[in-house]
Amino acid sequence: MNGTGEGERSPWPRRLAWFAGLWLAGVLALAAVAGLLRALFAP
């Protein structure tokens, strides 16, 4: 009943969600930049 299990368990879902959100934001940013470049350089 040290709470070590909870202490070790609780950060993981938060970290995974943070990394997933960051990855999703990066992918969306790359897609937006690609679409912008495509629109700019399209004949």
PDB file of N, CA and C in Angstrom:
ATOM      1  N   MET A   1       0.857  -1.199   0.000  1.00  0.00           N
ATOM      2  CA  MET A   1       0.000   0.000   0.000  1.00  0.00           C
ATOM      3  C   MET A   1       0.889   1.243   0.000  1.00  0.00           C
ATOM      4  N   ASN A   2       1.974   1.141  -0.714  1.00  0.00           N
ATOM      5  CA  ASN A   2       2.869   2.287  -0.803  1.00  0.00           C
ATOM      6  C   ASN A   2       2.340   3.318  -1.793  1.00  0.00           C
ATOM      7  N   GLY A   3       1.546   2.863  -2.732  1.00  0.00           N
ATOM      8  CA  GLY A   3       1.063   3.756  -3.778  1.00  0.00           C
ATOM      9  C   GLY A   3       2.052   3.819  -4.927  1.00  0.00           C
ATOM     10  N   THR A   4       3.094   2.976  -4.854  1.00  0.00           N
ATOM     11  CA  THR A   4       4.103   3.005  -5.919  1.00  0.00           C
ATOM     12  C   THR A   4       3.496   2.514  -7.229  1.00  0.00           C
ATOM     13  N   GLY A   5       2.621   1.503  -7.139  1.00  0.00           N
ATOM     14  CA  GLY A   5       1.989   0.976  -8.354  1.00  0.00           C
ATOM     15  C   GLY A   5       1.180   2.063  -9.043  1.00  0.00           C
ATOM     16  N   GLU A   6       0.405   2.811  -8.249  1.00  0.00           N
ATOM     17  CA  GLU A   6      -0.396   3.880  -8.831  1.00  0.00           C
ATOM     18  C   GLU A   6       0.517   4.999  -9.352  1.00  0.00           C
ATOM     19  N   GLY A   7       1.569   5.286  -8.588  1.00  0.00           N
ATOM     20  CA  GLY A   7       2.492   6.342  -8.997  1.00  0.00           C
ATOM     21  C   GLY A   7       3.185   6.008 -10.299  1.00  0.00           C
ATOM     22  N   GLU A   8       3.473   4.718 -10.495  1.00  0.00           N
ATOM     23  CA  GLU A   8       4.141   4.318 -11.738  1.00  0.00           C
ATOM     24  C   GLU A   8       3.136   4.165 -12.878  1.00  0.00           C
ATOM     25  N   ARG A   9       1.908   3.849 -12.521  1.00  0.00           N
ATOM     26  CA  ARG A   9       0.898   3.596 -13.560  1.00  0.00           C
ATOM     27  C   ARG A   9       0.298   4.896 -14.082  1.00  0.00           C
ATOM     28  N   SER A  10       0.022   5.844 -13.209  1.00  0.00           N
ATOM     29  CA  SER A  10      -0.735   7.031 -13.621  1.00  0.00           C
ATOM     30  C   SER A  10      -0.025   7.878 -14.685  1.00  0.00           C
ATOM     31  N   PRO A  11       1.290   8.057 -14.646  1.00  0.00           N
ATOM     32  CA  PRO A  11       1.909   8.926 -15.662  1.00  0.00           C
ATOM     33  C   PRO A  11       1.840   8.348 -17.073  1.00  0.00           C
ATOM     34  N   TRP A  12       1.769   7.011 -17.176  1.00  0.00           N
ATOM     35  CA  TRP A  12       1.854   6.402 -18.511  1.00  0.00           C
ATOM     36  C   TRP A  12       0.709   6.784 -19.430  1.00  0.00           C
ATOM     37  N   PRO A  13      -0.556   6.663 -19.009  1.00  0.00           N
ATOM     38  CA  PRO A  13      -1.648   7.071 -19.918  1.00  0.00           C
ATOM     39  C   PRO A  13      -1.512   8.539 -20.316  1.00  0.00           C
ATOM     40  N   ARG A  14      -1.071   9.371 -19.363  1.00  0.00           N
ATOM     41  CA  ARG A  14      -0.910  10.789 -19.651  1.00  0.00           C
ATOM     42  C   ARG A  14       0.193  10.998 -20.682  1.00  0.00           C
ATOM     43  N   ARG A  15       1.293  10.280 -20.493  1.00  0.00           N
ATOM     44  CA  ARG A  15       2.411  10.412 -21.434  1.00  0.00           C
ATOM     45  C   ARG A  15       2.011   9.919 -22.818  1.00  0.00           C
ATOM     46  N   LEU A  16       1.321   8.783 -22.852  1.00  0.00           N
ATOM     47  CA  LEU A  16       0.903   8.227 -24.144  1.00  0.00           C
ATOM     48  C   LEU A  16      -0.054   9.190 -24.839  1.00  0.00           C
ATOM     49  N   ALA A  17      -0.977   9.768 -24.085  1.00  0.00           N
ATOM     50  CA  ALA A  17      -1.929  10.711 -24.678  1.00  0.00           C
ATOM     51  C   ALA A  17      -1.187  11.954 -25.167  1.00  0.00           C
ATOM     52  N   TRP A  18      -0.185  12.395 -24.389  1.00  0.00           N
ATOM     53  CA  TRP A  18       0.576  13.589 -24.772  1.00  0.00           C
ATOM     54  C   TRP A  18       1.350  13.329 -26.061  1.00  0.00           C
ATOM     55  N   PHE A  19       2.022  12.177 -26.103  1.00  0.00           N
ATOM     56  CA  PHE A  19       2.784  11.837 -27.315  1.00  0.00           C
ATOM     57  C   PHE A  19       1.849  11.664 -28.518  1.00  0.00           C
ATOM     58  N   ALA A  20       0.698  11.037 -28.284  1.00  0.00           N
ATOM     59  CA  ALA A  20      -0.251  10.839 -29.384  1.00  0.00           C
ATOM     60  C   ALA A  20      -0.762  12.186 -29.892  1.00  0.00           C
ATOM     61  N   GLY A  21      -1.058  13.098 -28.975  1.00  0.00           N
ATOM     62  CA  GLY A  21      -1.527  14.421 -29.371  1.00  0.00           C
ATOM     63  C   GLY A  21      -0.450  15.185 -30.124  1.00  0.00           C
ATOM     64  N   LEU A  22       0.781  15.096 -29.631  1.00  0.00           N
ATOM     65  CA  LEU A  22       1.887  15.787 -30.292  1.00  0.00           C
ATOM     66  C   LEU A  22       2.107  15.221 -31.691  1.00  0.00           C
ATOM     67  N   TRP A  23       2.061  13.873 -31.800  1.00  0.00           N
ATOM     68  CA  TRP A  23       2.249  13.213 -33.103  1.00  0.00           C
ATOM     69  C   TRP A  23       1.136  13.611 -34.065  1.00  0.00           C
ATOM     70  N   LEU A  24      -0.098  13.628 -33.540  1.00  0.00           N
ATOM     71  CA  LEU A  24      -1.232  13.995 -34.385  1.00  0.00           C
ATOM     72  C   LEU A  24      -1.099  15.443 -34.851  1.00  0.00           C
ATOM     73  N   ALA A  25      -0.685  16.329 -33.949  1.00  0.00           N
ATOM     74  CA  ALA A  25      -0.501  17.738 -34.317  1.00  0.00           C
ATOM     75  C   ALA A  25       0.587  17.871 -35.377  1.00  0.00           C
ATOM     76  N   GLY A  26       1.659  17.093 -35.237  1.00  0.00           N
ATOM     77  CA  GLY A  26       2.746  17.136 -36.214  1.00  0.00           C
ATOM     78  C   GLY A  26       2.279  16.651 -37.577  1.00  0.00           C
ATOM     79  N   VAL A  27       1.519  15.564 -37.580  1.00  0.00           N
ATOM     80  CA  VAL A  27       1.015  15.025 -38.849  1.00  0.00           C
ATOM     81  C   VAL A  27       0.072  16.024 -39.517  1.00  0.00           C
ATOM     82  N   LEU A  28      -0.802  16.633 -38.713  1.00  0.00           N
ATOM     83  CA  LEU A  28      -1.733  17.613 -39.274  1.00  0.00           C
ATOM     84  C   LEU A  28      -0.975  18.821 -39.805  1.00  0.00           C
ATOM     85  N   ALA A  29       0.069  19.248 -39.082  1.00  0.00           N
ATOM     86  CA  ALA A  29       0.863  20.393 -39.538  1.00  0.00           C
ATOM     87  C   ALA A  29       1.564  20.064 -40.848  1.00  0.00           C
ATOM     88  N   LEU A  30       2.127  18.855 -40.937  1.00  0.00           N
ATOM     89  CA  LEU A  30       2.805  18.449 -42.173  1.00  0.00           C
ATOM     90  C   LEU A  30       1.812  18.393 -43.330  1.00  0.00           C
ATOM     91  N   ALA A  31       0.620  17.864 -43.069  1.00  0.00           N
ATOM     92  CA  ALA A  31      -0.400  17.783 -44.114  1.00  0.00           C
ATOM     93  C   ALA A  31      -0.821  19.186 -44.553  1.00  0.00           C
ATOM     94  N   ALA A  32      -0.945  20.094 -43.583  1.00  0.00           N
ATOM     95  CA  ALA A  32      -1.337  21.465 -43.922  1.00  0.00           C
ATOM     96  C   ALA A  32      -0.251  22.136 -44.757  1.00  0.00           C
ATOM     97  N   VAL A  33       1.007  21.950 -44.370  1.00  0.00           N
ATOM     98  CA  VAL A  33       2.115  22.547 -45.121  1.00  0.00           C
ATOM     99  C   VAL A  33       2.185  21.949 -46.522  1.00  0.00           C
ATOM    100  N   ALA A  34       2.000  20.636 -46.611  1.00  0.00           N
ATOM    101  CA  ALA A  34       2.035  19.978 -47.929  1.00  0.00           C
ATOM    102  C   ALA A  34       0.907  20.511 -48.813  1.00  0.00           C
ATOM    103  N   GLY A  35      -0.278  20.647 -48.246  1.00  0.00           N
ATOM    104  CA  GLY A  35      -1.408  21.156 -49.014  1.00  0.00           C
ATOM    105  C   GLY A  35      -1.166  22.604 -49.440  1.00  0.00           C
ATOM    106  N   LEU A  36      -0.571  23.400 -48.557  1.00  0.00           N
ATOM    107  CA  LEU A  36      -0.287  24.797 -48.883  1.00  0.00           C
ATOM    108  C   LEU A  36       0.734  24.882 -50.017  1.00  0.00           C
ATOM    109  N   LEU A  37       1.797  24.081 -49.908  1.00  0.00           N
ATOM    110  CA  LEU A  37       2.823  24.084 -50.957  1.00  0.00           C
ATOM    111  C   LEU A  37       2.233  23.612 -52.280  1.00  0.00           C
ATOM    112  N   ARG A  38       1.367  22.614 -52.196  1.00  0.00           N
ATOM    113  CA  ARG A  38       0.734  22.098 -53.417  1.00  0.00           C
ATOM    114  C   ARG A  38      -0.115  23.195 -54.058  1.00  0.00           C
ATOM    115  N   ALA A  39      -0.853  23.917 -53.233  1.00  0.00           N
ATOM    116  CA  ALA A  39      -1.718  24.981 -53.761  1.00  0.00           C
ATOM    117  C   ALA A  39      -0.873  26.118 -54.337  1.00  0.00           C
ATOM    118  N   LEU A  40       0.257  26.404 -53.693  1.00  0.00           N
ATOM    119  CA  LEU A  40       1.111  27.505 -54.158  1.00  0.00           C
ATOM    120  C   LEU A  40       1.814  27.150 -55.459  1.00  0.00           C
ATOM    121  N   PHE A  41       2.319  25.925 -55.538  1.00  0.00           N
ATOM    122  CA  PHE A  41       3.123  25.543 -56.699  1.00  0.00           C
ATOM    123  C   PHE A  41       2.301  24.856 -57.791  1.00  0.00           C
ATOM    124  N   ALA A  42       0.986  24.760 -57.570  1.00  0.00           N
ATOM    125  CA  ALA A  42       0.140  24.160 -58.610  1.00  0.00           C
ATOM    126  C   ALA A  42       0.027  25.137 -59.774  1.00  0.00           C
ATOM    127  N   PRO A  43       0.114  24.654 -61.000  1.00  0.00           N
ATOM    128  CA  PRO A  43       0.047  25.522 -62.168  1.00  0.00           C
ATOM    129  C   PRO A  43      -1.348  26.111 -62.361  1.00  0.00           C
TER     130      PRO A  43
END
